[in-house]
């Protein structure tokens, strides 16, 4: 009977060891799955942020080209205004000379 108890105790110990091993594997797999899910979620958010940055860069490029065009327009307007101002000054000088001559 003592031998049978020893054999039963050994079998129970082996069974507990096997069950503990499988429980540990499942726990480890669950933790790995959770970590993988978190990683996938983080990657998704990073991709979304990159897309937002790309859109912002496109808007910046569009605004930059508009601004460049406006700068050219303002420069042309400034030149035109300077020519107009020069003509007005020339007309003023001409009128002043005509008054002096009369």
C-alpha atoms as a PDB file:
ATOM      1  CA  UNK A   1       0.000   0.000   0.000  1.00  0.00           C
ATOM      2  CA  UNK A   2       2.873   2.368   0.680  1.00  0.00           C
ATOM      3  CA  UNK A   3       4.185   1.745  -2.801  1.00  0.00           C
ATOM      4  CA  UNK A   4       0.791   2.480  -4.315  1.00  0.00           C
ATOM      5  CA  UNK A   5       0.566   5.765  -2.404  1.00  0.00           C
ATOM      6  CA  UNK A   6       4.049   6.673  -3.676  1.00  0.00           C
ATOM      7  CA  UNK A   7       3.070   5.869  -7.252  1.00  0.00           C
ATOM      8  CA  UNK A   8      -0.188   7.822  -6.935  1.00  0.00           C
ATOM      9  CA  UNK A   9       1.685  10.775  -5.381  1.00  0.00           C
ATOM     10  CA  UNK A  10       4.236  10.655  -8.233  1.00  0.00           C
ATOM     11  CA  UNK A  11       1.489  10.555 -10.865  1.00  0.00           C
ATOM     12  CA  UNK A  12      -0.338  13.436  -9.186  1.00  0.00           C
ATOM     13  CA  UNK A  13       2.923  15.405  -9.093  1.00  0.00           C
ATOM     14  CA  UNK A  14       3.507  14.738 -12.808  1.00  0.00           C
ATOM     15  CA  UNK A  15      -0.081  15.708 -13.602  1.00  0.00           C
ATOM     16  CA  UNK A  16       0.238  18.943 -11.618  1.00  0.00           C
ATOM     17  CA  UNK A  17       3.554  19.704 -13.371  1.00  0.00           C
ATOM     18  CA  UNK A  18       1.996  19.157 -16.818  1.00  0.00           C
ATOM     19  CA  UNK A  19      -1.063  21.276 -15.933  1.00  0.00           C
ATOM     20  CA  UNK A  20       1.140  24.043 -14.548  1.00  0.00           C
ATOM     21  CA  UNK A  21       3.237  23.963 -17.723  1.00  0.00           C
ATOM     22  CA  UNK A  22       0.166  24.335 -19.959  1.00  0.00           C
ATOM     23  CA  UNK A  23      -1.330  27.036 -17.748  1.00  0.00           C
ATOM     24  CA  UNK A  24       1.942  28.958 -17.956  1.00  0.00           C
ATOM     25  CA  UNK A  25       1.974  28.620 -21.729  1.00  0.00           C
ATOM     26  CA  UNK A  26      -1.571  29.933 -22.018  1.00  0.00           C
ATOM     27  CA  UNK A  27      -0.802  32.838 -19.717  1.00  0.00           C
ATOM     28  CA  UNK A  28       2.313  33.647 -21.722  1.00  0.00           C
ATOM     29  CA  UNK A  29       0.399  33.407 -25.002  1.00  0.00           C
ATOM     30  CA  UNK A  30      -2.311  35.688 -23.616  1.00  0.00           C
ATOM     31  CA  UNK A  31       0.249  38.278 -22.543  1.00  0.00           C
ATOM     32  CA  UNK A  32       1.933  38.064 -25.953  1.00  0.00           C
ATOM     33  CA  UNK A  33      -1.442  38.519 -27.649  1.00  0.00           C
ATOM     34  CA  UNK A  34      -2.226  41.576 -25.557  1.00  0.00           C
ATOM     35  CA  UNK A  35       1.190  43.053 -26.311  1.00  0.00           C
ATOM     36  CA  UNK A  36       0.734  42.372 -30.020  1.00  0.00           C
ATOM     37  CA  UNK A  37      -2.692  44.016 -29.964  1.00  0.00           C
ATOM     38  CA  UNK A  38      -1.303  47.099 -28.253  1.00  0.00           C
ATOM     39  CA  UNK A  39       1.515  47.253 -30.785  1.00  0.00           C
ATOM     40  CA  UNK A  40      -0.944  47.021 -33.691  1.00  0.00           C
ATOM     41  CA  UNK A  41      -3.064  49.797 -32.159  1.00  0.00           C
ATOM     42  CA  UNK A  42       0.017  51.988 -31.735  1.00  0.00           C
ATOM     43  CA  UNK A  43       1.015  51.386 -35.354  1.00  0.00           C
ATOM     44  CA  UNK A  44      -2.502  52.304 -36.469  1.00  0.00           C
ATOM     45  CA  UNK A  45      -2.343  55.602 -34.572  1.00  0.00           C
ATOM     46  CA  UNK A  46       1.105  56.338 -35.981  1.00  0.00           C
ATOM     47  CA  UNK A  47      -0.170  55.732 -39.518  1.00  0.00           C
ATOM     48  CA  UNK A  48      -3.105  58.076 -38.903  1.00  0.00           C
ATOM     49  CA  UNK A  49      -0.771  60.750 -37.565  1.00  0.00           C
ATOM     50  CA  UNK A  50       1.495  60.374 -40.602  1.00  0.00           C
ATOM     51  CA  UNK A  51      -1.495  60.823 -42.906  1.00  0.00           C
ATOM     52  CA  UNK A  52      -2.492  63.986 -41.026  1.00  0.00           C
ATOM     53  CA  UNK A  53       1.057  65.295 -41.394  1.00  0.00           C
ATOM     54  CA  UNK A  54       1.003  64.542 -45.132  1.00  0.00           C
ATOM     55  CA  UNK A  55      -2.261  66.478 -45.491  1.00  0.00           C
ATOM     56  CA  UNK A  56      -0.820  69.396 -43.544  1.00  0.00           C
ATOM     57  CA  UNK A  57       2.266  69.431 -45.773  1.00  0.00           C
ATOM     58  CA  UNK A  58       0.058  69.452 -48.884  1.00  0.00           C
ATOM     59  CA  UNK A  59      -1.895  72.405 -47.492  1.00  0.00           C
ATOM     60  CA  UNK A  60       1.364  74.148 -46.611  1.00  0.00           C
ATOM     61  CA  UNK A  61       2.695  73.623 -50.131  1.00  0.00           C
ATOM     62  CA  UNK A  62      -0.528  74.958 -51.637  1.00  0.00           C
ATOM     63  CA  UNK A  63      -0.491  77.978 -49.323  1.00  0.00           C
ATOM     64  CA  UNK A  64       3.178  78.537 -50.030  1.00  0.00           C
ATOM     65  CA  UNK A  65       2.599  78.608 -53.798  1.00  0.00           C
ATOM     66  CA  UNK A  66      -0.314  81.017 -53.304  1.00  0.00           C
ATOM     67  CA  UNK A  67       1.869  83.217 -51.118  1.00  0.00           C
ATOM     68  CA  UNK A  68       4.643  83.184 -53.708  1.00  0.00           C
ATOM     69  CA  UNK A  69       2.161  84.268 -56.364  1.00  0.00           C
ATOM     70  CA  UNK A  70       0.862  87.047 -54.122  1.00  0.00           C
ATOM     71  CA  UNK A  71       4.384  88.249 -53.434  1.00  0.00           C
ATOM     72  CA  UNK A  72       5.020  88.513 -57.172  1.00  0.00           C
ATOM     73  CA  UNK A  73       1.734  90.376 -57.640  1.00  0.00           C
ATOM     74  CA  UNK A  74       2.581  92.805 -54.848  1.00  0.00           C
ATOM     75  CA  UNK A  75       6.018  93.408 -56.346  1.00  0.00           C
ATOM     76  CA  UNK A  76       4.446  94.179 -59.737  1.00  0.00           C
ATOM     77  CA  UNK A  77       1.898  96.468 -58.097  1.00  0.00           C
ATOM     78  CA  UNK A  78       4.689  98.262 -56.263  1.00  0.00           C
ATOM     79  CA  UNK A  79       6.553  98.814 -59.533  1.00  0.00           C
ATOM     80  CA  UNK A  80       3.365 100.063 -61.186  1.00  0.00           C
ATOM     81  CA  UNK A  81       2.676 102.376 -58.276  1.00  0.00           C
ATOM     82  CA  UNK A  82       6.228 103.710 -58.425  1.00  0.00           C
ATOM     83  CA  UNK A  83       5.832 104.416 -62.166  1.00  0.00           C
ATOM     84  CA  UNK A  84       2.492 106.131 -61.553  1.00  0.00           C
ATOM     85  CA  UNK A  85       4.024 108.197 -58.761  1.00  0.00           C
ATOM     86  CA  UNK A  86       6.905 109.185 -61.070  1.00  0.00           C
ATOM     87  CA  UNK A  87       4.419 110.231 -63.778  1.00  0.00           C
ATOM     88  CA  UNK A  88       2.422 112.302 -61.299  1.00  0.00           C
ATOM     89  CA  UNK A  89       5.601 114.005 -60.124  1.00  0.00           C
ATOM     90  CA  UNK A  90       6.624 114.642 -63.740  1.00  0.00           C
ATOM     91  CA  UNK A  91       3.197 116.105 -64.535  1.00  0.00           C
ATOM     92  CA  UNK A  92       3.458 118.307 -61.441  1.00  0.00           C
ATOM     93  CA  UNK A  93       6.833 119.558 -62.553  1.00  0.00           C
ATOM     94  CA  UNK A  94       5.555 120.213 -66.071  1.00  0.00           C
ATOM     95  CA  UNK A  95       2.514 122.106 -64.760  1.00  0.00           C
ATOM     96  CA  UNK A  96       4.702 124.135 -62.421  1.00  0.00           C
ATOM     97  CA  UNK A  97       7.004 125.103 -65.295  1.00  0.00           C
ATOM     98  CA  UNK A  98       4.013 126.024 -67.451  1.00  0.00           C
ATOM     99  CA  UNK A  99       2.753 128.315 -64.682  1.00  0.00           C
ATOM    100  CA  UNK A 100       6.120 129.982 -64.413  1.00  0.00           C
ATOM    101  CA  UNK A 101       6.260 130.515 -68.145  1.00  0.00           C
ATOM    102  CA  UNK A 102       2.844 132.184 -68.268  1.00  0.00           C
END
